[in-house]
Amino acid sequence: MKFEAQVGDTTASVEIDRKAGAFRAVVDDRIIEGEVLEPEPGVFTFRVRDRVIEFHAGALAGAGKCRAVTMSGTTDVRIVDRKHRQVAGESGGDGQKALLAPMPGRIVALLAAVGDQVSRGQGVLVVEAMKMQNEVKAARDGVVAEIRVAPDDTVAAGQVLAILE
C-alpha cells in the first residue's frame, strides 16, 4: 500500500507491505522492518526491535486521519491520496472527492458505474463488515470518475474506493 502521511508540516512518502505477521515499510528512503499484529479490525501493532507502535487506522478515517500511539504519546496522522494530492476524506470543492471505506470489510455491491451522475447522499457502493452492510454515499453531487474496487474485494479502513468529480 502506498500513500503519503502528514504529521504537522512534515509529509513522508510511505509504502507498506505486510505478510504473515511481518511488515516492511519504506518511509521516504528509510527501510523499516518488523512484526505486525492486527488485534482488532483497523488497529495495528507494529514492533521494531524493542519499540512498539499502535496504529488506529479507522479512528478518524472520515477526516482522513489515523492515530499512532507510542510510549511517548499520541500523534494524529493525516493520510494524503498520492494520486490526487488531497487529504483523504476532505472535499475537493469543485475538484475531486475520494470516497473512503468507513471500516475494514468486503465490497458486496457497486451501485454506480464510472461516468454515472450521482447526487449528494446517493449510494455508490456497499461495504460489508461483521455481517453488516454499510452504504458508502456521495458526499456531494458529481460524476463517478473512478471506481478502484470490485465486488468481493477486501478493503482496509480509510482505503480510497471511488473518486467523484
N, C-alpha and C. Protein backbone atom coordinates (compact mmCIF):
# COMPACT_ATOMS: atom_id res chain seq x y z
N MET A 1 0.85 -1.16 0.00
CA MET A 1 0.00 0.00 0.00
C MET A 1 0.90 1.23 0.00
N LYS A 2 0.61 2.19 -0.90
CA LYS A 2 1.39 3.42 -1.00
C LYS A 2 0.50 4.60 -0.64
N PHE A 3 1.06 5.54 0.12
CA PHE A 3 0.35 6.75 0.48
C PHE A 3 1.34 7.77 1.01
N GLU A 4 0.85 8.96 1.29
CA GLU A 4 1.67 9.96 1.96
C GLU A 4 1.07 10.19 3.34
N ALA A 5 1.92 10.31 4.33
CA ALA A 5 1.48 10.56 5.70
C ALA A 5 1.99 11.94 6.11
N GLN A 6 1.10 12.71 6.73
CA GLN A 6 1.44 14.07 7.13
C GLN A 6 1.25 14.21 8.64
N VAL A 7 2.32 14.63 9.32
CA VAL A 7 2.28 14.93 10.74
C VAL A 7 2.74 16.37 10.87
N GLY A 8 1.82 17.24 11.27
CA GLY A 8 2.14 18.67 11.32
C GLY A 8 2.48 19.17 9.93
N ASP A 9 3.64 19.82 9.78
CA ASP A 9 4.07 20.35 8.48
C ASP A 9 4.95 19.37 7.71
N THR A 10 5.19 18.18 8.27
CA THR A 10 6.07 17.21 7.64
C THR A 10 5.27 16.14 6.91
N THR A 11 5.61 15.90 5.64
CA THR A 11 4.95 14.88 4.84
C THR A 11 5.98 13.86 4.40
N ALA A 12 5.62 12.57 4.51
CA ALA A 12 6.52 11.49 4.12
C ALA A 12 5.81 10.56 3.16
N SER A 13 6.55 10.07 2.19
CA SER A 13 6.05 9.05 1.27
C SER A 13 6.20 7.70 1.96
N VAL A 14 5.12 6.90 1.99
CA VAL A 14 5.13 5.63 2.72
C VAL A 14 4.66 4.50 1.81
N GLU A 15 5.36 3.39 1.87
CA GLU A 15 4.93 2.17 1.20
C GLU A 15 5.07 1.03 2.21
N ILE A 16 3.96 0.31 2.45
CA ILE A 16 3.97 -0.78 3.43
C ILE A 16 3.55 -2.07 2.77
N ASP A 17 4.34 -3.12 3.00
CA ASP A 17 4.00 -4.48 2.58
C ASP A 17 3.89 -5.32 3.83
N ARG A 18 2.84 -6.15 3.89
CA ARG A 18 2.58 -6.95 5.08
C ARG A 18 2.33 -8.39 4.67
N LYS A 19 3.06 -9.33 5.31
CA LYS A 19 2.88 -10.75 5.03
C LYS A 19 3.14 -11.56 6.29
N ALA A 20 2.21 -12.44 6.61
CA ALA A 20 2.38 -13.44 7.67
C ALA A 20 2.99 -12.88 8.96
N GLY A 21 2.42 -11.83 9.50
CA GLY A 21 2.88 -11.30 10.78
C GLY A 21 4.10 -10.41 10.71
N ALA A 22 4.58 -10.13 9.49
CA ALA A 22 5.75 -9.28 9.34
C ALA A 22 5.39 -8.11 8.42
N PHE A 23 6.16 -7.03 8.52
CA PHE A 23 5.94 -5.90 7.63
C PHE A 23 7.28 -5.33 7.19
N ARG A 24 7.23 -4.65 6.06
CA ARG A 24 8.37 -3.91 5.54
C ARG A 24 7.82 -2.57 5.08
N ALA A 25 8.32 -1.49 5.66
CA ALA A 25 7.87 -0.14 5.30
C ALA A 25 9.05 0.64 4.75
N VAL A 26 8.77 1.39 3.70
CA VAL A 26 9.75 2.33 3.17
C VAL A 26 9.16 3.72 3.39
N VAL A 27 9.80 4.48 4.28
CA VAL A 27 9.35 5.82 4.62
C VAL A 27 10.38 6.78 4.05
N ASP A 28 9.95 7.52 3.01
CA ASP A 28 10.88 8.28 2.17
C ASP A 28 11.93 7.27 1.68
N ASP A 29 13.18 7.35 2.08
CA ASP A 29 14.17 6.38 1.62
C ASP A 29 14.63 5.43 2.72
N ARG A 30 13.98 5.48 3.88
CA ARG A 30 14.36 4.67 5.03
C ARG A 30 13.54 3.38 5.07
N ILE A 31 14.21 2.24 5.23
CA ILE A 31 13.53 0.94 5.29
C ILE A 31 13.36 0.53 6.76
N ILE A 32 12.14 0.13 7.11
CA ILE A 32 11.83 -0.31 8.46
C ILE A 32 11.16 -1.67 8.36
N GLU A 33 11.68 -2.65 9.10
CA GLU A 33 11.10 -3.99 9.08
C GLU A 33 10.83 -4.44 10.51
N GLY A 34 9.80 -5.24 10.66
CA GLY A 34 9.47 -5.75 11.99
C GLY A 34 8.25 -6.65 11.96
N GLU A 35 7.64 -6.82 13.13
CA GLU A 35 6.45 -7.65 13.28
C GLU A 35 5.22 -6.77 13.30
N VAL A 36 4.09 -7.33 12.84
CA VAL A 36 2.83 -6.59 12.88
C VAL A 36 1.71 -7.55 13.28
N LEU A 37 0.85 -7.06 14.14
CA LEU A 37 -0.36 -7.80 14.55
C LEU A 37 -1.55 -6.89 14.31
N GLU A 38 -2.72 -7.51 14.07
CA GLU A 38 -3.96 -6.76 13.96
C GLU A 38 -4.92 -7.33 15.00
N PRO A 39 -4.82 -6.84 16.26
CA PRO A 39 -5.62 -7.41 17.34
C PRO A 39 -7.13 -7.21 17.16
N GLU A 40 -7.50 -6.18 16.42
CA GLU A 40 -8.90 -5.95 16.07
C GLU A 40 -8.92 -5.18 14.76
N PRO A 41 -10.03 -5.22 14.01
CA PRO A 41 -10.06 -4.55 12.72
C PRO A 41 -9.71 -3.06 12.83
N GLY A 42 -8.78 -2.64 11.98
CA GLY A 42 -8.38 -1.24 11.95
C GLY A 42 -7.36 -0.83 12.99
N VAL A 43 -6.93 -1.76 13.85
CA VAL A 43 -5.91 -1.47 14.86
C VAL A 43 -4.71 -2.37 14.58
N PHE A 44 -3.55 -1.75 14.41
CA PHE A 44 -2.33 -2.50 14.09
C PHE A 44 -1.28 -2.22 15.14
N THR A 45 -0.57 -3.25 15.56
CA THR A 45 0.53 -3.11 16.50
C THR A 45 1.81 -3.47 15.76
N PHE A 46 2.69 -2.48 15.59
CA PHE A 46 3.96 -2.67 14.91
C PHE A 46 5.07 -2.78 15.96
N ARG A 47 5.93 -3.76 15.80
CA ARG A 47 7.07 -3.93 16.71
C ARG A 47 8.35 -3.94 15.90
N VAL A 48 9.23 -3.00 16.21
CA VAL A 48 10.54 -2.91 15.58
C VAL A 48 11.56 -2.97 16.70
N ARG A 49 12.29 -4.08 16.78
CA ARG A 49 13.20 -4.36 17.88
C ARG A 49 12.47 -4.20 19.21
N ASP A 50 12.84 -3.23 20.05
CA ASP A 50 12.18 -3.08 21.35
C ASP A 50 11.15 -1.96 21.37
N ARG A 51 10.82 -1.42 20.20
CA ARG A 51 9.85 -0.31 20.12
C ARG A 51 8.51 -0.81 19.59
N VAL A 52 7.42 -0.38 20.22
CA VAL A 52 6.08 -0.78 19.82
C VAL A 52 5.25 0.46 19.49
N ILE A 53 4.56 0.41 18.35
CA ILE A 53 3.67 1.50 17.94
C ILE A 53 2.31 0.89 17.64
N GLU A 54 1.28 1.45 18.25
CA GLU A 54 -0.10 1.02 17.98
C GLU A 54 -0.70 2.05 17.05
N PHE A 55 -1.26 1.57 15.94
CA PHE A 55 -1.78 2.46 14.90
C PHE A 55 -3.26 2.19 14.72
N HIS A 56 -4.09 3.21 14.92
CA HIS A 56 -5.55 3.10 14.79
C HIS A 56 -5.95 3.65 13.43
N ALA A 57 -6.09 2.75 12.44
CA ALA A 57 -6.37 3.18 11.07
C ALA A 57 -7.77 3.71 10.92
N GLY A 58 -8.73 3.21 11.66
CA GLY A 58 -10.11 3.64 11.48
C GLY A 58 -10.56 4.72 12.44
N ALA A 59 -9.70 5.14 13.34
CA ALA A 59 -10.11 6.06 14.41
C ALA A 59 -10.72 7.35 13.89
N LEU A 60 -10.12 7.92 12.88
CA LEU A 60 -10.59 9.21 12.36
C LEU A 60 -10.67 9.15 10.84
N ALA A 61 -10.98 7.96 10.29
CA ALA A 61 -10.92 7.75 8.84
C ALA A 61 -11.76 8.73 8.05
N GLY A 62 -12.92 9.10 8.56
CA GLY A 62 -13.77 10.03 7.83
C GLY A 62 -13.11 11.38 7.63
N ALA A 63 -12.17 11.72 8.49
CA ALA A 63 -11.46 13.00 8.37
C ALA A 63 -10.11 12.82 7.70
N GLY A 64 -9.83 11.62 7.17
CA GLY A 64 -8.55 11.36 6.53
C GLY A 64 -7.42 11.26 7.52
N LYS A 65 -7.75 10.96 8.78
CA LYS A 65 -6.73 10.90 9.83
C LYS A 65 -6.70 9.51 10.45
N CYS A 66 -5.54 9.17 10.96
CA CYS A 66 -5.33 7.96 11.74
C CYS A 66 -4.61 8.39 13.00
N ARG A 67 -4.46 7.49 13.94
CA ARG A 67 -3.83 7.84 15.21
C ARG A 67 -2.73 6.83 15.53
N ALA A 68 -1.53 7.34 15.83
CA ALA A 68 -0.40 6.49 16.24
C ALA A 68 -0.19 6.70 17.74
N VAL A 69 -0.10 5.60 18.49
CA VAL A 69 0.08 5.65 19.93
C VAL A 69 1.41 4.97 20.27
N THR A 70 2.30 5.71 20.95
CA THR A 70 3.57 5.15 21.39
C THR A 70 3.72 5.39 22.89
N MET A 71 4.81 4.91 23.46
CA MET A 71 5.08 5.11 24.88
C MET A 71 5.18 6.60 25.20
N SER A 72 5.62 7.40 24.21
CA SER A 72 5.82 8.83 24.47
C SER A 72 4.60 9.68 24.18
N GLY A 73 3.52 9.08 23.66
CA GLY A 73 2.31 9.87 23.44
C GLY A 73 1.53 9.45 22.21
N THR A 74 0.57 10.30 21.85
CA THR A 74 -0.34 10.04 20.74
C THR A 74 -0.14 11.09 19.66
N THR A 75 -0.14 10.67 18.41
CA THR A 75 0.04 11.57 17.28
C THR A 75 -1.03 11.30 16.24
N ASP A 76 -1.71 12.35 15.76
CA ASP A 76 -2.65 12.20 14.66
C ASP A 76 -1.87 12.30 13.35
N VAL A 77 -2.18 11.39 12.43
CA VAL A 77 -1.50 11.32 11.14
C VAL A 77 -2.54 11.52 10.05
N ARG A 78 -2.30 12.46 9.14
CA ARG A 78 -3.20 12.67 8.00
C ARG A 78 -2.71 11.82 6.84
N ILE A 79 -3.63 11.10 6.22
CA ILE A 79 -3.30 10.27 5.07
C ILE A 79 -3.67 11.05 3.81
N VAL A 80 -2.68 11.24 2.93
CA VAL A 80 -2.87 12.02 1.72
C VAL A 80 -2.92 11.09 0.52
N ASP A 81 -3.97 11.24 -0.31
CA ASP A 81 -4.12 10.48 -1.55
C ASP A 81 -3.04 10.94 -2.51
N ARG A 82 -2.06 10.09 -2.79
CA ARG A 82 -0.93 10.46 -3.64
C ARG A 82 -1.35 10.83 -5.05
N LYS A 83 -2.31 10.13 -5.59
CA LYS A 83 -2.70 10.35 -6.98
C LYS A 83 -3.31 11.73 -7.19
N HIS A 84 -4.13 12.16 -6.24
CA HIS A 84 -4.85 13.42 -6.42
C HIS A 84 -4.36 14.53 -5.51
N ARG A 85 -3.35 14.25 -4.68
CA ARG A 85 -2.75 15.24 -3.79
C ARG A 85 -3.77 15.98 -2.95
N GLN A 86 -4.74 15.24 -2.39
CA GLN A 86 -5.66 15.85 -1.44
C GLN A 86 -5.72 14.93 -0.24
N VAL A 87 -6.06 15.51 0.91
CA VAL A 87 -6.18 14.71 2.10
C VAL A 87 -7.39 13.81 1.94
N ALA A 88 -7.22 12.53 2.20
CA ALA A 88 -8.33 11.61 2.09
C ALA A 88 -9.46 12.07 3.00
N GLY A 89 -10.67 12.03 2.49
CA GLY A 89 -11.82 12.42 3.29
C GLY A 89 -12.18 13.89 3.19
N GLU A 90 -11.30 14.72 2.64
CA GLU A 90 -11.62 16.14 2.51
C GLU A 90 -12.31 16.38 1.18
N SER A 91 -13.18 17.32 1.16
CA SER A 91 -13.84 17.69 -0.09
C SER A 91 -12.86 18.43 -0.96
N GLY A 92 -12.90 18.15 -2.23
CA GLY A 92 -12.04 18.84 -3.16
C GLY A 92 -12.72 20.06 -3.75
N GLY A 93 -13.81 20.54 -3.13
CA GLY A 93 -14.54 21.68 -3.66
C GLY A 93 -15.15 21.28 -5.00
N ASP A 94 -14.82 22.01 -6.06
CA ASP A 94 -15.30 21.66 -7.38
C ASP A 94 -14.42 20.58 -8.01
N GLY A 95 -13.34 20.19 -7.35
CA GLY A 95 -12.43 19.18 -7.89
C GLY A 95 -12.90 17.78 -7.55
N GLN A 96 -11.95 16.93 -7.24
CA GLN A 96 -12.25 15.53 -6.98
C GLN A 96 -12.51 15.26 -5.50
N LYS A 97 -13.30 14.25 -5.24
CA LYS A 97 -13.65 13.85 -3.88
C LYS A 97 -13.46 12.34 -3.77
N ALA A 98 -12.65 11.92 -2.83
CA ALA A 98 -12.41 10.50 -2.61
C ALA A 98 -13.49 9.94 -1.68
N LEU A 99 -14.05 8.79 -2.06
CA LEU A 99 -14.96 8.06 -1.17
C LEU A 99 -14.13 6.98 -0.49
N LEU A 100 -14.16 6.94 0.84
CA LEU A 100 -13.30 6.06 1.62
C LEU A 100 -14.09 4.94 2.27
N ALA A 101 -13.41 3.82 2.50
CA ALA A 101 -14.02 2.72 3.25
C ALA A 101 -14.16 3.17 4.70
N PRO A 102 -15.37 3.08 5.27
CA PRO A 102 -15.57 3.53 6.64
C PRO A 102 -14.94 2.59 7.66
N MET A 103 -14.66 1.35 7.24
CA MET A 103 -14.09 0.33 8.12
C MET A 103 -13.54 -0.78 7.25
N PRO A 104 -12.73 -1.68 7.81
CA PRO A 104 -12.26 -2.82 7.02
C PRO A 104 -13.46 -3.70 6.66
N GLY A 105 -13.46 -4.30 5.51
CA GLY A 105 -14.56 -5.16 5.12
C GLY A 105 -14.41 -5.69 3.71
N ARG A 106 -15.55 -6.03 3.11
CA ARG A 106 -15.58 -6.62 1.77
C ARG A 106 -16.61 -5.86 0.94
N ILE A 107 -16.28 -5.59 -0.31
CA ILE A 107 -17.21 -4.91 -1.22
C ILE A 107 -18.25 -5.93 -1.64
N VAL A 108 -19.55 -5.62 -1.41
CA VAL A 108 -20.61 -6.55 -1.79
C VAL A 108 -21.42 -6.06 -2.98
N ALA A 109 -21.38 -4.76 -3.27
CA ALA A 109 -22.13 -4.26 -4.41
C ALA A 109 -21.60 -2.91 -4.87
N LEU A 110 -21.65 -2.70 -6.19
CA LEU A 110 -21.38 -1.40 -6.79
C LEU A 110 -22.73 -0.85 -7.22
N LEU A 111 -23.11 0.30 -6.72
CA LEU A 111 -24.42 0.89 -7.02
C LEU A 111 -24.35 1.92 -8.13
N ALA A 112 -23.13 2.27 -8.54
CA ALA A 112 -22.93 3.25 -9.62
C ALA A 112 -21.73 2.78 -10.44
N ALA A 113 -21.64 3.30 -11.65
CA ALA A 113 -20.54 2.95 -12.55
C ALA A 113 -19.79 4.22 -12.93
N VAL A 114 -18.59 4.05 -13.47
CA VAL A 114 -17.81 5.20 -13.94
C VAL A 114 -18.64 5.94 -14.99
N GLY A 115 -18.71 7.26 -14.83
CA GLY A 115 -19.48 8.09 -15.74
C GLY A 115 -20.88 8.41 -15.26
N ASP A 116 -21.36 7.70 -14.24
CA ASP A 116 -22.71 7.95 -13.71
C ASP A 116 -22.75 9.28 -12.97
N GLN A 117 -23.84 10.01 -13.15
CA GLN A 117 -24.11 11.23 -12.38
C GLN A 117 -24.71 10.78 -11.04
N VAL A 118 -24.19 11.28 -9.92
CA VAL A 118 -24.74 10.93 -8.60
C VAL A 118 -25.08 12.20 -7.84
N SER A 119 -26.06 12.08 -6.97
CA SER A 119 -26.49 13.20 -6.13
C SER A 119 -25.96 13.01 -4.72
N ARG A 120 -25.83 14.11 -4.00
CA ARG A 120 -25.39 14.04 -2.61
C ARG A 120 -26.30 13.08 -1.85
N GLY A 121 -25.70 12.14 -1.11
CA GLY A 121 -26.46 11.17 -0.33
C GLY A 121 -26.83 9.90 -1.07
N GLN A 122 -26.57 9.86 -2.37
CA GLN A 122 -26.87 8.66 -3.16
C GLN A 122 -25.80 7.60 -2.92
N GLY A 123 -26.21 6.34 -2.78
CA GLY A 123 -25.28 5.24 -2.59
C GLY A 123 -24.44 5.00 -3.82
N VAL A 124 -23.13 4.77 -3.61
CA VAL A 124 -22.21 4.50 -4.71
C VAL A 124 -21.75 3.05 -4.66
N LEU A 125 -21.53 2.52 -3.44
CA LEU A 125 -21.15 1.12 -3.27
C LEU A 125 -21.49 0.67 -1.86
N VAL A 126 -21.38 -0.64 -1.63
CA VAL A 126 -21.74 -1.21 -0.32
C VAL A 126 -20.56 -2.01 0.21
N VAL A 127 -20.17 -1.72 1.46
CA VAL A 127 -19.10 -2.44 2.16
C VAL A 127 -19.75 -3.28 3.26
N GLU A 128 -19.38 -4.55 3.34
CA GLU A 128 -19.89 -5.41 4.40
C GLU A 128 -18.78 -5.64 5.42
N ALA A 129 -19.12 -5.44 6.69
CA ALA A 129 -18.18 -5.67 7.78
C ALA A 129 -18.94 -6.32 8.92
N MET A 130 -18.45 -7.43 9.40
CA MET A 130 -19.07 -8.16 10.52
C MET A 130 -20.56 -8.40 10.26
N LYS A 131 -20.88 -8.85 9.06
CA LYS A 131 -22.25 -9.22 8.64
C LYS A 131 -23.20 -8.03 8.54
N MET A 132 -22.67 -6.80 8.63
CA MET A 132 -23.50 -5.60 8.48
C MET A 132 -23.08 -4.91 7.18
N GLN A 133 -24.06 -4.47 6.41
CA GLN A 133 -23.77 -3.78 5.16
C GLN A 133 -23.86 -2.27 5.37
N ASN A 134 -22.83 -1.57 4.88
CA ASN A 134 -22.74 -0.12 5.01
C ASN A 134 -22.66 0.50 3.63
N GLU A 135 -23.64 1.34 3.31
CA GLU A 135 -23.66 2.00 2.02
C GLU A 135 -22.74 3.22 2.07
N VAL A 136 -21.81 3.29 1.13
CA VAL A 136 -20.92 4.45 1.02
C VAL A 136 -21.60 5.40 0.05
N LYS A 137 -21.91 6.61 0.55
CA LYS A 137 -22.73 7.56 -0.21
C LYS A 137 -21.89 8.73 -0.72
N ALA A 138 -22.37 9.32 -1.79
CA ALA A 138 -21.72 10.51 -2.35
C ALA A 138 -21.87 11.67 -1.37
N ALA A 139 -20.78 12.35 -1.08
CA ALA A 139 -20.79 13.48 -0.15
C ALA A 139 -21.29 14.76 -0.83
N ARG A 140 -21.35 14.74 -2.16
CA ARG A 140 -21.83 15.90 -2.91
C ARG A 140 -22.28 15.42 -4.29
N ASP A 141 -22.96 16.28 -5.03
CA ASP A 141 -23.33 15.97 -6.41
C ASP A 141 -22.07 15.85 -7.24
N GLY A 142 -22.07 14.95 -8.22
CA GLY A 142 -20.91 14.82 -9.08
C GLY A 142 -21.05 13.67 -10.05
N VAL A 143 -19.94 13.36 -10.70
CA VAL A 143 -19.85 12.26 -11.66
C VAL A 143 -18.82 11.28 -11.13
N VAL A 144 -19.12 9.99 -11.20
CA VAL A 144 -18.17 8.97 -10.77
C VAL A 144 -17.02 8.93 -11.78
N ALA A 145 -15.82 9.35 -11.36
CA ALA A 145 -14.65 9.40 -12.24
C ALA A 145 -13.88 8.09 -12.22
N GLU A 146 -13.81 7.45 -11.05
CA GLU A 146 -13.08 6.19 -10.90
C GLU A 146 -13.78 5.32 -9.89
N ILE A 147 -13.72 4.02 -10.10
CA ILE A 147 -14.08 3.05 -9.07
C ILE A 147 -12.87 2.15 -8.94
N ARG A 148 -12.27 2.12 -7.76
CA ARG A 148 -11.00 1.42 -7.55
C ARG A 148 -11.16 0.04 -6.94
N VAL A 149 -12.39 -0.44 -6.81
CA VAL A 149 -12.64 -1.75 -6.22
C VAL A 149 -13.65 -2.51 -7.07
N ALA A 150 -13.80 -3.79 -6.79
CA ALA A 150 -14.77 -4.65 -7.46
C ALA A 150 -15.48 -5.48 -6.40
N PRO A 151 -16.65 -6.03 -6.72
CA PRO A 151 -17.32 -6.91 -5.75
C PRO A 151 -16.39 -8.03 -5.29
N ASP A 152 -16.48 -8.34 -4.00
CA ASP A 152 -15.67 -9.36 -3.31
C ASP A 152 -14.26 -8.90 -2.95
N ASP A 153 -13.86 -7.68 -3.32
CA ASP A 153 -12.56 -7.16 -2.89
C ASP A 153 -12.59 -6.93 -1.38
N THR A 154 -11.48 -7.20 -0.71
CA THR A 154 -11.32 -6.87 0.71
C THR A 154 -10.69 -5.49 0.78
N VAL A 155 -11.21 -4.64 1.66
CA VAL A 155 -10.71 -3.27 1.77
C VAL A 155 -10.33 -2.94 3.20
N ALA A 156 -9.41 -2.00 3.34
CA ALA A 156 -8.96 -1.53 4.66
C ALA A 156 -9.71 -0.25 5.02
N ALA A 157 -9.79 0.05 6.29
CA ALA A 157 -10.41 1.29 6.74
C ALA A 157 -9.66 2.47 6.14
N GLY A 158 -10.39 3.43 5.58
CA GLY A 158 -9.77 4.61 5.01
C GLY A 158 -9.27 4.44 3.59
N GLN A 159 -9.39 3.23 3.03
CA GLN A 159 -8.92 2.99 1.66
C GLN A 159 -9.82 3.75 0.68
N VAL A 160 -9.22 4.32 -0.36
CA VAL A 160 -9.98 5.03 -1.39
C VAL A 160 -10.72 3.99 -2.24
N LEU A 161 -12.05 4.12 -2.30
CA LEU A 161 -12.89 3.17 -3.04
C LEU A 161 -13.31 3.72 -4.39
N ALA A 162 -13.60 5.02 -4.44
CA ALA A 162 -14.06 5.66 -5.68
C ALA A 162 -13.70 7.14 -5.62
N ILE A 163 -13.71 7.77 -6.79
CA ILE A 163 -13.43 9.20 -6.91
C ILE A 163 -14.60 9.85 -7.63
N LEU A 164 -15.10 10.95 -7.06
CA LEU A 164 -16.15 11.74 -7.70
C LEU A 164 -15.51 13.03 -8.24
N GLU A 165 -16.04 13.52 -9.35
CA GLU A 165 -15.60 14.82 -9.89
C GLU A 165 -16.77 15.76 -9.87
